[in-house]
């Protein structure tokens, strides 16, 4: 975690996106091996559609924008967490909490 950049940490906070991408990758392996059945193919289509619905492809761009709105310069966004002060790490975790789109966020 400490070697990740703030952008990577924020994007990783979207658990649904991460799970969708993992399952899609598993199904793609099956497809490349030729072991993907019709139900798996339908499931793969559903997963890709859901990933599009939640904006999975724009996650990096949205995370960059969120961090910029919280005061992160381009240079700070590219540093690993281990090189950030405690205050910037807290802002990173706040951005991750916001990015996850919680129903309720208590600070």
C-alpha atoms as a PDB file:
ATOM      1  CA  UNK A   1       0.000   0.000   0.000  1.00  0.00           C
ATOM      2  CA  UNK A   2       2.777   2.444   0.864  1.00  0.00           C
ATOM      3  CA  UNK A   3       4.372   2.102  -2.582  1.00  0.00           C
ATOM      4  CA  UNK A   4       1.144   3.010  -4.350  1.00  0.00           C
ATOM      5  CA  UNK A   5       0.470   6.522  -5.565  1.00  0.00           C
ATOM      6  CA  UNK A   6      -2.533   8.438  -4.220  1.00  0.00           C
ATOM      7  CA  UNK A   7      -4.324   7.869  -7.541  1.00  0.00           C
ATOM      8  CA  UNK A   8      -3.850   4.099  -7.251  1.00  0.00           C
ATOM      9  CA  UNK A   9      -5.159   4.111  -3.669  1.00  0.00           C
ATOM     10  CA  UNK A  10      -8.238   6.099  -4.627  1.00  0.00           C
ATOM     11  CA  UNK A  11      -9.036   3.880  -7.622  1.00  0.00           C
ATOM     12  CA  UNK A  12      -8.571   0.749  -5.476  1.00  0.00           C
ATOM     13  CA  UNK A  13     -11.251   2.052  -3.099  1.00  0.00           C
ATOM     14  CA  UNK A  14     -13.897   1.260  -5.721  1.00  0.00           C
ATOM     15  CA  UNK A  15     -14.419  -2.329  -4.598  1.00  0.00           C
ATOM     16  CA  UNK A  16     -17.176  -3.068  -7.109  1.00  0.00           C
ATOM     17  CA  UNK A  17     -14.937  -2.029 -10.003  1.00  0.00           C
ATOM     18  CA  UNK A  18     -12.089  -4.168  -8.683  1.00  0.00           C
ATOM     19  CA  UNK A  19     -14.312  -7.243  -8.282  1.00  0.00           C
ATOM     20  CA  UNK A  20     -15.821  -6.789 -11.736  1.00  0.00           C
ATOM     21  CA  UNK A  21     -12.394  -6.510 -13.354  1.00  0.00           C
ATOM     22  CA  UNK A  22     -11.157  -9.624 -11.522  1.00  0.00           C
ATOM     23  CA  UNK A  23     -14.143 -11.698 -12.618  1.00  0.00           C
ATOM     24  CA  UNK A  24     -13.873 -10.440 -16.196  1.00  0.00           C
ATOM     25  CA  UNK A  25     -10.189 -11.402 -16.224  1.00  0.00           C
ATOM     26  CA  UNK A  26     -11.053 -14.920 -14.993  1.00  0.00           C
ATOM     27  CA  UNK A  27     -13.655 -15.315 -17.722  1.00  0.00           C
ATOM     28  CA  UNK A  28     -11.217 -14.030 -20.353  1.00  0.00           C
ATOM     29  CA  UNK A  29      -8.737 -16.713 -19.306  1.00  0.00           C
ATOM     30  CA  UNK A  30     -11.442 -19.347 -19.724  1.00  0.00           C
ATOM     31  CA  UNK A  31     -12.353 -17.882 -23.125  1.00  0.00           C
ATOM     32  CA  UNK A  32      -8.736 -18.006 -24.282  1.00  0.00           C
ATOM     33  CA  UNK A  33      -8.500 -21.630 -23.130  1.00  0.00           C
ATOM     34  CA  UNK A  34     -11.732 -22.450 -24.928  1.00  0.00           C
ATOM     35  CA  UNK A  35     -13.501 -23.573 -21.738  1.00  0.00           C
ATOM     36  CA  UNK A  36     -16.000 -20.710 -21.509  1.00  0.00           C
ATOM     37  CA  UNK A  37     -19.562 -21.994 -21.856  1.00  0.00           C
ATOM     38  CA  UNK A  38     -22.661 -20.050 -22.958  1.00  0.00           C
ATOM     39  CA  UNK A  39     -23.587 -19.078 -19.389  1.00  0.00           C
ATOM     40  CA  UNK A  40     -20.062 -17.787 -18.831  1.00  0.00           C
ATOM     41  CA  UNK A  41     -20.257 -15.774 -22.025  1.00  0.00           C
ATOM     42  CA  UNK A  42     -23.545 -14.209 -20.924  1.00  0.00           C
ATOM     43  CA  UNK A  43     -22.058 -13.456 -17.505  1.00  0.00           C
ATOM     44  CA  UNK A  44     -19.044 -11.835 -19.146  1.00  0.00           C
ATOM     45  CA  UNK A  45     -21.346  -9.565 -21.144  1.00  0.00           C
ATOM     46  CA  UNK A  46     -23.261  -8.620 -18.003  1.00  0.00           C
ATOM     47  CA  UNK A  47     -20.035  -7.801 -16.161  1.00  0.00           C
ATOM     48  CA  UNK A  48     -18.739  -5.643 -18.993  1.00  0.00           C
ATOM     49  CA  UNK A  49     -22.068  -3.808 -19.185  1.00  0.00           C
ATOM     50  CA  UNK A  50     -21.999  -3.150 -15.418  1.00  0.00           C
ATOM     51  CA  UNK A  51     -18.400  -1.942 -15.622  1.00  0.00           C
ATOM     52  CA  UNK A  52     -19.489   0.533 -18.309  1.00  0.00           C
ATOM     53  CA  UNK A  53     -22.450   1.649 -16.150  1.00  0.00           C
ATOM     54  CA  UNK A  54     -20.229   2.549 -13.213  1.00  0.00           C
ATOM     55  CA  UNK A  55     -17.645   4.275 -15.406  1.00  0.00           C
ATOM     56  CA  UNK A  56     -14.870   1.751 -14.877  1.00  0.00           C
ATOM     57  CA  UNK A  57     -12.816   3.077 -17.773  1.00  0.00           C
ATOM     58  CA  UNK A  58     -12.803   6.626 -16.418  1.00  0.00           C
ATOM     59  CA  UNK A  59     -11.745   5.698 -12.868  1.00  0.00           C
ATOM     60  CA  UNK A  60      -8.182   7.008 -13.182  1.00  0.00           C
ATOM     61  CA  UNK A  61      -9.339  10.314 -14.638  1.00  0.00           C
ATOM     62  CA  UNK A  62     -12.020  10.731 -11.934  1.00  0.00           C
ATOM     63  CA  UNK A  63      -9.506   9.905  -9.190  1.00  0.00           C
ATOM     64  CA  UNK A  64      -7.043  12.459 -10.598  1.00  0.00           C
ATOM     65  CA  UNK A  65      -9.763  15.125 -10.657  1.00  0.00           C
ATOM     66  CA  UNK A  66     -10.885  14.332  -7.102  1.00  0.00           C
ATOM     67  CA  UNK A  67      -7.334  14.537  -5.781  1.00  0.00           C
ATOM     68  CA  UNK A  68      -6.741  17.801  -7.651  1.00  0.00           C
ATOM     69  CA  UNK A  69      -9.892  19.217  -6.019  1.00  0.00           C
ATOM     70  CA  UNK A  70      -8.445  18.256  -2.628  1.00  0.00           C
ATOM     71  CA  UNK A  71      -5.290  20.271  -3.341  1.00  0.00           C
ATOM     72  CA  UNK A  72      -2.953  17.609  -4.745  1.00  0.00           C
ATOM     73  CA  UNK A  73      -0.504  18.931  -7.312  1.00  0.00           C
ATOM     74  CA  UNK A  74       0.571  16.751 -10.231  1.00  0.00           C
ATOM     75  CA  UNK A  75       3.848  16.077  -8.405  1.00  0.00           C
ATOM     76  CA  UNK A  76       2.082  14.976  -5.190  1.00  0.00           C
ATOM     77  CA  UNK A  77      -0.255  12.681  -7.142  1.00  0.00           C
ATOM     78  CA  UNK A  78       2.726  10.870  -8.646  1.00  0.00           C
ATOM     79  CA  UNK A  79       4.606  10.271  -5.368  1.00  0.00           C
ATOM     80  CA  UNK A  80       4.253   6.999  -3.465  1.00  0.00           C
ATOM     81  CA  UNK A  81       2.336   7.262  -0.187  1.00  0.00           C
ATOM     82  CA  UNK A  82       5.511   6.510   1.755  1.00  0.00           C
ATOM     83  CA  UNK A  83       6.905   9.870   0.579  1.00  0.00           C
ATOM     84  CA  UNK A  84       3.863  11.910   1.611  1.00  0.00           C
ATOM     85  CA  UNK A  85       3.341  13.585   4.958  1.00  0.00           C
ATOM     86  CA  UNK A  86       0.628  12.374   7.299  1.00  0.00           C
ATOM     87  CA  UNK A  87      -1.706  15.170   6.239  1.00  0.00           C
ATOM     88  CA  UNK A  88      -1.491  14.231   2.559  1.00  0.00           C
ATOM     89  CA  UNK A  89      -2.037  10.572   3.436  1.00  0.00           C
ATOM     90  CA  UNK A  90      -5.200  11.525   5.333  1.00  0.00           C
ATOM     91  CA  UNK A  91      -6.392  13.487   2.297  1.00  0.00           C
ATOM     92  CA  UNK A  92      -5.682  10.436   0.161  1.00  0.00           C
ATOM     93  CA  UNK A  93      -7.812   8.259   2.433  1.00  0.00           C
ATOM     94  CA  UNK A  94     -10.559  10.908   2.421  1.00  0.00           C
ATOM     95  CA  UNK A  95     -10.482  10.901  -1.382  1.00  0.00           C
ATOM     96  CA  UNK A  96     -10.693   7.095  -1.358  1.00  0.00           C
ATOM     97  CA  UNK A  97     -13.706   7.232   0.954  1.00  0.00           C
ATOM     98  CA  UNK A  98     -15.446   9.765  -1.285  1.00  0.00           C
ATOM     99  CA  UNK A  99     -14.534   7.847  -4.452  1.00  0.00           C
ATOM    100  CA  UNK A 100     -16.176   4.681  -3.103  1.00  0.00           C
ATOM    101  CA  UNK A 101     -19.523   6.540  -3.180  1.00  0.00           C
ATOM    102  CA  UNK A 102     -20.740   5.556   0.282  1.00  0.00           C
ATOM    103  CA  UNK A 103     -24.383   5.978   1.250  1.00  0.00           C
ATOM    104  CA  UNK A 104     -23.221   7.741   4.405  1.00  0.00           C
ATOM    105  CA  UNK A 105     -19.813   9.201   5.227  1.00  0.00           C
ATOM    106  CA  UNK A 106     -19.109  10.081   8.853  1.00  0.00           C
ATOM    107  CA  UNK A 107     -16.001  12.144   9.447  1.00  0.00           C
END
